[in-house]
Amino acid sequence: MIDSIVAYPLDAMTLKPGLNILGFKLPSLFFKFTEGLQGNNEDVVLGEGDEAISSIAKKVLYVGDCADSIDYDALFQKAAIKRILDGFDPDRLTRILTLQSELKTIIQDEIWSDDLPLTISSSLDLKSAVSMAKPCIDASSVGSLFDKIQMVVDTAGALAESRMLVTLHITQYCDNDQLLYLHNDLLKRQMQLLDLECCDTKVTLTEGRSYYVDEDYVQFS
């Protein structure tokens, strides 16, 4: 789990399991951290233990602003396929590969019968076999913005997603009771969420971590 986050000229800020909030007075600083957590700014450094994290994508699942349209399938597709494959017993895995082989044979026979200058790979791949079924995230129950935030957490937890979730502006969409519920839910699932805010004052939490950086780069915790 990620232990810290820092960007020059700031001091490192400790991150914990559950809800963590970083608020910034300056839009430029907010933008720097937003870009960094998407892997687009090397000035933002995440720490795990005594080591700096070299690959942001392997440790961070960037969700963004839940007020925007979220492509849940793109967000969780890799984790969903991995979770499905992990649940199969050996007999089912063998059956899937057999069906994939039969399908490729049928397609290849059609290519030969029409004398087409085409070929297909003969290799078998479990991930591509599951991908053919196009597993999708069920978003039918999503209503409010809090529902969208909670669905991200629920889905990540169900798929055993180990990366830190990163959101924007959730304090604008949730009241204190909802933030407390979210924090405790994250702790129960042993998950971590980092929310970035562009705001005028420090966000006060009943529980969880909250930091604020003002226009003079003074840090408050």
C-alpha atoms as a PDB file:
ATOM      1  CA  MET A   1       0.000   0.000   0.000  1.00  0.00           C
ATOM      2  CA  ILE A   2       1.213   3.534  -0.758  1.00  0.00           C
ATOM      3  CA  ASP A   3       2.736   5.259   2.273  1.00  0.00           C
ATOM      4  CA  SER A   4       3.468   8.772   1.045  1.00  0.00           C
ATOM      5  CA  ILE A   5       3.159  11.346  -1.713  1.00  0.00           C
ATOM      6  CA  VAL A   6       5.367  14.352  -2.417  1.00  0.00           C
ATOM      7  CA  ALA A   7       6.167  16.920  -5.091  1.00  0.00           C
ATOM      8  CA  TYR A   8       8.814  19.639  -4.950  1.00  0.00           C
ATOM      9  CA  PRO A   9       8.905  21.985  -3.045  1.00  0.00           C
ATOM     10  CA  LEU A  10       6.484  20.329  -0.595  1.00  0.00           C
ATOM     11  CA  ASP A  11       7.276  17.980   2.273  1.00  0.00           C
ATOM     12  CA  ALA A  12       6.123  14.378   1.969  1.00  0.00           C
ATOM     13  CA  MET A  13       2.552  13.692   3.096  1.00  0.00           C
ATOM     14  CA  THR A  14       1.763  10.368   4.744  1.00  0.00           C
ATOM     15  CA  LEU A  15      -1.039   8.271   3.263  1.00  0.00           C
ATOM     16  CA  LYS A  16      -2.959   5.637   5.206  1.00  0.00           C
ATOM     17  CA  PRO A  17      -5.545   2.930   4.447  1.00  0.00           C
ATOM     18  CA  GLY A  18      -9.048   4.383   4.056  1.00  0.00           C
ATOM     19  CA  LEU A  19      -9.830   7.922   2.906  1.00  0.00           C
ATOM     20  CA  ASN A  20      -7.041  10.454   2.295  1.00  0.00           C
ATOM     21  CA  ILE A  21      -7.698  13.998   1.071  1.00  0.00           C
ATOM     22  CA  LEU A  22      -5.224  16.481  -0.395  1.00  0.00           C
ATOM     23  CA  GLY A  23      -6.586  20.008  -0.794  1.00  0.00           C
ATOM     24  CA  PHE A  24      -4.833  22.762  -2.753  1.00  0.00           C
ATOM     25  CA  LYS A  25      -5.480  26.475  -2.903  1.00  0.00           C
ATOM     26  CA  LEU A  26      -3.526  26.849  -6.148  1.00  0.00           C
ATOM     27  CA  PRO A  27      -5.093  25.324  -9.288  1.00  0.00           C
ATOM     28  CA  SER A  28      -1.576  24.877 -10.700  1.00  0.00           C
ATOM     29  CA  LEU A  29      -0.582  22.637  -7.794  1.00  0.00           C
ATOM     30  CA  PHE A  30      -3.850  20.736  -7.997  1.00  0.00           C
ATOM     31  CA  PHE A  31      -3.191  20.175 -11.705  1.00  0.00           C
ATOM     32  CA  LYS A  32       0.387  19.016 -11.033  1.00  0.00           C
ATOM     33  CA  PHE A  33      -0.781  16.305  -8.630  1.00  0.00           C
ATOM     34  CA  THR A  34      -3.651  15.316 -10.916  1.00  0.00           C
ATOM     35  CA  GLU A  35      -1.255  14.870 -13.811  1.00  0.00           C
ATOM     36  CA  GLY A  36       1.306  13.090 -11.639  1.00  0.00           C
ATOM     37  CA  LEU A  37      -1.198  10.511 -10.421  1.00  0.00           C
ATOM     38  CA  GLN A  38      -1.983   9.708 -14.041  1.00  0.00           C
ATOM     39  CA  GLY A  39       1.710   9.145 -14.693  1.00  0.00           C
ATOM     40  CA  ASN A  40       2.148  12.398 -16.630  1.00  0.00           C
ATOM     41  CA  ASN A  41       4.341  14.384 -14.242  1.00  0.00           C
ATOM     42  CA  GLU A  42       7.501  12.888 -12.768  1.00  0.00           C
ATOM     43  CA  ASP A  43       7.677  15.608 -10.089  1.00  0.00           C
ATOM     44  CA  VAL A  44       4.955  13.759  -8.164  1.00  0.00           C
ATOM     45  CA  VAL A  45       6.524  10.818  -6.321  1.00  0.00           C
ATOM     46  CA  LEU A  46       4.741   8.043  -4.437  1.00  0.00           C
ATOM     47  CA  GLY A  47       6.477   6.062  -1.731  1.00  0.00           C
ATOM     48  CA  GLU A  48       5.988   2.501  -0.561  1.00  0.00           C
ATOM     49  CA  GLY A  49       8.136   1.577   2.406  1.00  0.00           C
ATOM     50  CA  ASP A  50      11.605   2.979   1.756  1.00  0.00           C
ATOM     51  CA  GLU A  51      11.226   2.821  -2.018  1.00  0.00           C
ATOM     52  CA  ALA A  52       9.905   5.318  -4.566  1.00  0.00           C
ATOM     53  CA  ILE A  53       7.295   3.806  -6.858  1.00  0.00           C
ATOM     54  CA  SER A  54       8.584   3.700 -10.432  1.00  0.00           C
ATOM     55  CA  SER A  55       5.325   2.744 -12.184  1.00  0.00           C
ATOM     56  CA  ILE A  56       2.287   4.825 -11.238  1.00  0.00           C
ATOM     57  CA  ALA A  57      -0.051   2.695 -13.368  1.00  0.00           C
ATOM     58  CA  LYS A  58       0.771  -0.432 -11.351  1.00  0.00           C
ATOM     59  CA  LYS A  59      -0.072   1.234  -8.042  1.00  0.00           C
ATOM     60  CA  VAL A  60      -2.793   3.781  -8.886  1.00  0.00           C
ATOM     61  CA  LEU A  61      -6.258   3.386 -10.397  1.00  0.00           C
ATOM     62  CA  TYR A  62      -7.177   6.887 -11.530  1.00  0.00           C
ATOM     63  CA  VAL A  63     -10.962   7.345 -11.418  1.00  0.00           C
ATOM     64  CA  GLY A  64     -11.140  11.114 -11.731  1.00  0.00           C
ATOM     65  CA  ASP A  65     -14.222  13.257 -11.125  1.00  0.00           C
ATOM     66  CA  CYS A  66     -17.296  11.118 -10.517  1.00  0.00           C
ATOM     67  CA  ALA A  67     -19.466  13.968 -11.822  1.00  0.00           C
ATOM     68  CA  ASP A  68     -18.038  13.148 -15.246  1.00  0.00           C
ATOM     69  CA  SER A  69     -19.059  10.153 -17.315  1.00  0.00           C
ATOM     70  CA  ILE A  70     -17.141   7.098 -16.098  1.00  0.00           C
ATOM     71  CA  ASP A  71     -16.345   4.186 -18.376  1.00  0.00           C
ATOM     72  CA  TYR A  72     -16.547   1.478 -15.715  1.00  0.00           C
ATOM     73  CA  ASP A  73     -15.746  -1.275 -18.201  1.00  0.00           C
ATOM     74  CA  ALA A  74     -12.494   0.374 -19.307  1.00  0.00           C
ATOM     75  CA  LEU A  75     -11.646   1.164 -15.691  1.00  0.00           C
ATOM     76  CA  PHE A  76     -12.029  -2.386 -14.404  1.00  0.00           C
ATOM     77  CA  GLN A  77     -11.705  -4.629 -17.476  1.00  0.00           C
ATOM     78  CA  LYS A  78      -8.264  -6.030 -16.683  1.00  0.00           C
ATOM     79  CA  ALA A  79      -9.152  -6.673 -13.049  1.00  0.00           C
ATOM     80  CA  ALA A  80     -12.473  -8.253 -14.056  1.00  0.00           C
ATOM     81  CA  ILE A  81     -10.862 -10.701 -16.483  1.00  0.00           C
ATOM     82  CA  LYS A  82      -8.182 -11.622 -13.943  1.00  0.00           C
ATOM     83  CA  ARG A  83     -10.817 -12.165 -11.247  1.00  0.00           C
ATOM     84  CA  ILE A  84     -12.872 -14.418 -13.546  1.00  0.00           C
ATOM     85  CA  LEU A  85      -9.832 -16.484 -14.498  1.00  0.00           C
ATOM     86  CA  ASP A  86      -8.771 -16.844 -10.867  1.00  0.00           C
ATOM     87  CA  GLY A  87     -12.196 -18.296 -10.066  1.00  0.00           C
ATOM     88  CA  PHE A  88     -12.091 -21.099 -12.639  1.00  0.00           C
ATOM     89  CA  ASP A  89     -11.136 -24.608 -11.602  1.00  0.00           C
ATOM     90  CA  PRO A  90      -8.698 -26.594 -13.822  1.00  0.00           C
ATOM     91  CA  ASP A  91     -11.477 -28.518 -15.596  1.00  0.00           C
ATOM     92  CA  ARG A  92     -13.238 -25.332 -16.661  1.00  0.00           C
ATOM     93  CA  LEU A  93      -9.996 -23.761 -17.816  1.00  0.00           C
ATOM     94  CA  THR A  94      -9.316 -26.815 -19.961  1.00  0.00           C
ATOM     95  CA  ARG A  95     -12.840 -26.639 -21.380  1.00  0.00           C
ATOM     96  CA  ILE A  96     -12.416 -22.964 -22.292  1.00  0.00           C
ATOM     97  CA  LEU A  97      -9.165 -23.673 -24.158  1.00  0.00           C
ATOM     98  CA  THR A  98     -10.812 -26.560 -25.978  1.00  0.00           C
ATOM     99  CA  LEU A  99     -13.696 -24.351 -27.103  1.00  0.00           C
ATOM    100  CA  GLN A 100     -11.281 -21.657 -28.204  1.00  0.00           C
ATOM    101  CA  SER A 101      -9.325 -24.197 -30.231  1.00  0.00           C
ATOM    102  CA  GLU A 102     -12.534 -25.467 -31.874  1.00  0.00           C
ATOM    103  CA  LEU A 103     -13.587 -21.919 -32.744  1.00  0.00           C
ATOM    104  CA  LYS A 104     -10.226 -21.145 -34.326  1.00  0.00           C
ATOM    105  CA  THR A 105     -10.404 -24.358 -36.345  1.00  0.00           C
ATOM    106  CA  ILE A 106     -13.832 -23.425 -37.723  1.00  0.00           C
ATOM    107  CA  ILE A 107     -12.612 -19.952 -38.687  1.00  0.00           C
ATOM    108  CA  GLN A 108      -9.426 -21.296 -40.275  1.00  0.00           C
ATOM    109  CA  ASP A 109     -11.423 -23.885 -42.274  1.00  0.00           C
ATOM    110  CA  GLU A 110     -13.637 -21.094 -43.619  1.00  0.00           C
ATOM    111  CA  ILE A 111     -10.567 -19.118 -44.659  1.00  0.00           C
ATOM    112  CA  TRP A 112      -9.168 -22.120 -46.508  1.00  0.00           C
ATOM    113  CA  SER A 113     -12.478 -22.981 -48.191  1.00  0.00           C
ATOM    114  CA  ASP A 114     -12.745 -19.449 -49.587  1.00  0.00           C
ATOM    115  CA  ASP A 115      -9.055 -19.479 -50.538  1.00  0.00           C
ATOM    116  CA  LEU A 116      -8.429 -16.227 -48.702  1.00  0.00           C
ATOM    117  CA  PRO A 117      -4.874 -14.892 -48.171  1.00  0.00           C
ATOM    118  CA  LEU A 118      -5.431 -14.876 -44.420  1.00  0.00           C
ATOM    119  CA  THR A 119      -4.292 -16.778 -41.392  1.00  0.00           C
ATOM    120  CA  ILE A 120      -5.079 -16.758 -37.692  1.00  0.00           C
ATOM    121  CA  SER A 121      -2.902 -17.442 -34.714  1.00  0.00           C
ATOM    122  CA  SER A 122      -2.971 -21.020 -33.504  1.00  0.00           C
ATOM    123  CA  SER A 123      -1.923 -20.068 -29.977  1.00  0.00           C
ATOM    124  CA  LEU A 124      -4.501 -20.329 -27.204  1.00  0.00           C
ATOM    125  CA  ASP A 125      -4.965 -17.565 -24.672  1.00  0.00           C
ATOM    126  CA  LEU A 126      -7.299 -17.618 -21.684  1.00  0.00           C
ATOM    127  CA  LYS A 127      -7.522 -13.836 -21.418  1.00  0.00           C
ATOM    128  CA  SER A 128      -8.648 -13.430 -25.014  1.00  0.00           C
ATOM    129  CA  ALA A 129     -11.144 -16.265 -24.551  1.00  0.00           C
ATOM    130  CA  VAL A 130     -12.771 -14.525 -21.576  1.00  0.00           C
ATOM    131  CA  SER A 131     -12.585 -11.150 -23.344  1.00  0.00           C
ATOM    132  CA  MET A 132     -14.738 -12.555 -26.151  1.00  0.00           C
ATOM    133  CA  ALA A 133     -17.613 -12.756 -23.668  1.00  0.00           C
ATOM    134  CA  LYS A 134     -17.235  -8.984 -23.073  1.00  0.00           C
ATOM    135  CA  PRO A 135     -17.792  -8.935 -19.301  1.00  0.00           C
ATOM    136  CA  CYS A 136     -19.344  -5.587 -18.329  1.00  0.00           C
ATOM    137  CA  ILE A 137     -19.808  -3.742 -15.062  1.00  0.00           C
ATOM    138  CA  ASP A 138     -23.443  -3.597 -13.950  1.00  0.00           C
ATOM    139  CA  ALA A 139     -24.110   0.115 -13.378  1.00  0.00           C
ATOM    140  CA  SER A 140     -27.898  -0.168 -13.258  1.00  0.00           C
ATOM    141  CA  SER A 141     -28.111   0.768  -9.575  1.00  0.00           C
ATOM    142  CA  VAL A 142     -26.159   4.035  -9.906  1.00  0.00           C
ATOM    143  CA  GLY A 143     -28.209   7.097  -8.986  1.00  0.00           C
ATOM    144  CA  SER A 144     -26.544   9.898  -7.021  1.00  0.00           C
ATOM    145  CA  LEU A 145     -22.916  10.960  -7.238  1.00  0.00           C
ATOM    146  CA  PHE A 146     -22.299   9.230  -3.926  1.00  0.00           C
ATOM    147  CA  ASP A 147     -23.722   6.057  -5.509  1.00  0.00           C
ATOM    148  CA  LYS A 148     -21.131   6.388  -8.286  1.00  0.00           C
ATOM    149  CA  ILE A 149     -18.313   6.777  -5.774  1.00  0.00           C
ATOM    150  CA  GLN A 150     -19.565   3.846  -3.725  1.00  0.00           C
ATOM    151  CA  MET A 151     -19.929   1.705  -6.836  1.00  0.00           C
ATOM    152  CA  VAL A 152     -16.291   2.309  -7.727  1.00  0.00           C
ATOM    153  CA  VAL A 153     -15.275   1.143  -4.248  1.00  0.00           C
ATOM    154  CA  ASP A 154     -17.670  -1.843  -4.322  1.00  0.00           C
ATOM    155  CA  THR A 155     -16.463  -2.951  -7.750  1.00  0.00           C
ATOM    156  CA  ALA A 156     -12.786  -2.518  -6.891  1.00  0.00           C
ATOM    157  CA  GLY A 157     -13.300  -4.514  -3.703  1.00  0.00           C
ATOM    158  CA  ALA A 158     -15.205  -7.322  -5.441  1.00  0.00           C
ATOM    159  CA  LEU A 159     -12.479  -7.615  -8.083  1.00  0.00           C
ATOM    160  CA  ALA A 160      -9.693  -7.624  -5.474  1.00  0.00           C
ATOM    161  CA  GLU A 161      -8.222  -4.420  -6.933  1.00  0.00           C
ATOM    162  CA  SER A 162      -5.096  -3.663  -4.903  1.00  0.00           C
ATOM    163  CA  ARG A 163      -4.215  -0.279  -6.420  1.00  0.00           C
ATOM    164  CA  MET A 164      -4.952   3.002  -4.681  1.00  0.00           C
ATOM    165  CA  LEU A 165      -8.094   4.682  -6.023  1.00  0.00           C
ATOM    166  CA  VAL A 166      -7.728   8.349  -6.975  1.00  0.00           C
ATOM    167  CA  THR A 167     -10.754  10.635  -7.239  1.00  0.00           C
ATOM    168  CA  LEU A 168     -11.426  14.358  -7.575  1.00  0.00           C
ATOM    169  CA  HIS A 169     -13.771  16.631  -5.602  1.00  0.00           C
ATOM    170  CA  ILE A 170     -15.736  13.962  -3.713  1.00  0.00           C
ATOM    171  CA  THR A 171     -16.126  16.288  -0.721  1.00  0.00           C
ATOM    172  CA  GLN A 172     -18.324  18.456  -2.944  1.00  0.00           C
ATOM    173  CA  TYR A 173     -20.688  15.535  -3.521  1.00  0.00           C
ATOM    174  CA  CYS A 174     -20.713  13.859  -0.094  1.00  0.00           C
ATOM    175  CA  ASP A 175     -21.757  15.020   3.355  1.00  0.00           C
ATOM    176  CA  ASN A 176     -19.779  14.189   6.508  1.00  0.00           C
ATOM    177  CA  ASP A 177     -21.788  11.028   7.232  1.00  0.00           C
ATOM    178  CA  GLN A 178     -21.167   9.730   3.720  1.00  0.00           C
ATOM    179  CA  LEU A 179     -17.439  10.461   3.937  1.00  0.00           C
ATOM    180  CA  LEU A 180     -17.277   8.653   7.282  1.00  0.00           C
ATOM    181  CA  TYR A 181     -19.140   5.675   5.829  1.00  0.00           C
ATOM    182  CA  LEU A 182     -16.803   5.651   2.831  1.00  0.00           C
ATOM    183  CA  HIS A 183     -13.714   5.743   5.061  1.00  0.00           C
ATOM    184  CA  ASN A 184     -14.919   2.853   7.232  1.00  0.00           C
ATOM    185  CA  ASP A 185     -15.943   0.840   4.170  1.00  0.00           C
ATOM    186  CA  LEU A 186     -12.484   1.297   2.671  1.00  0.00           C
ATOM    187  CA  LEU A 187     -10.858   0.198   5.921  1.00  0.00           C
ATOM    188  CA  LYS A 188     -13.057  -2.890   6.083  1.00  0.00           C
ATOM    189  CA  ARG A 189     -11.971  -3.819   2.571  1.00  0.00           C
ATOM    190  CA  GLN A 190      -8.313  -2.921   3.306  1.00  0.00           C
ATOM    191  CA  MET A 191      -8.386  -0.383   0.498  1.00  0.00           C
ATOM    192  CA  GLN A 192      -6.990   3.097   0.014  1.00  0.00           C
ATOM    193  CA  LEU A 193      -8.548   6.131  -1.682  1.00  0.00           C
ATOM    194  CA  LEU A 194      -6.839   9.454  -2.347  1.00  0.00           C
ATOM    195  CA  ASP A 195      -9.088  12.399  -3.196  1.00  0.00           C
ATOM    196  CA  LEU A 196      -7.721  15.644  -4.641  1.00  0.00           C
ATOM    197  CA  GLU A 197      -9.513  18.951  -4.023  1.00  0.00           C
ATOM    198  CA  CYS A 198      -9.011  22.471  -5.334  1.00  0.00           C
ATOM    199  CA  CYS A 199     -10.470  24.490  -2.465  1.00  0.00           C
ATOM    200  CA  ASP A 200     -10.119  27.557  -0.259  1.00  0.00           C
ATOM    201  CA  THR A 201      -9.879  25.815   3.117  1.00  0.00           C
ATOM    202  CA  LYS A 202      -8.747  22.516   4.590  1.00  0.00           C
ATOM    203  CA  VAL A 203     -11.350  19.738   4.491  1.00  0.00           C
ATOM    204  CA  THR A 204     -12.232  18.580   8.001  1.00  0.00           C
ATOM    205  CA  LEU A 205     -12.831  14.851   8.365  1.00  0.00           C
ATOM    206  CA  THR A 206     -14.324  12.956  11.290  1.00  0.00           C
ATOM    207  CA  GLU A 207     -11.919  10.139  10.424  1.00  0.00           C
ATOM    208  CA  GLY A 208      -9.298   9.722   7.731  1.00  0.00           C
ATOM    209  CA  ARG A 209      -6.341  11.866   6.620  1.00  0.00           C
ATOM    210  CA  SER A 210      -6.708  15.436   5.358  1.00  0.00           C
ATOM    211  CA  TYR A 211      -3.958  17.773   4.149  1.00  0.00           C
ATOM    212  CA  TYR A 212      -4.100  21.289   2.760  1.00  0.00           C
ATOM    213  CA  VAL A 213      -1.564  23.427   0.914  1.00  0.00           C
ATOM    214  CA  ASP A 214      -2.244  27.165   0.749  1.00  0.00           C
ATOM    215  CA  GLU A 215      -1.174  29.745  -1.852  1.00  0.00           C
ATOM    216  CA  ASP A 216       2.225  30.171  -0.137  1.00  0.00           C
ATOM    217  CA  TYR A 217       2.901  26.406  -0.162  1.00  0.00           C
ATOM    218  CA  VAL A 218       2.350  26.203   3.583  1.00  0.00           C
ATOM    219  CA  GLN A 219       1.125  22.707   4.486  1.00  0.00           C
ATOM    220  CA  PHE A 220      -1.586  21.943   7.028  1.00  0.00           C
ATOM    221  CA  SER A 221      -2.467  18.512   8.366  1.00  0.00           C
END
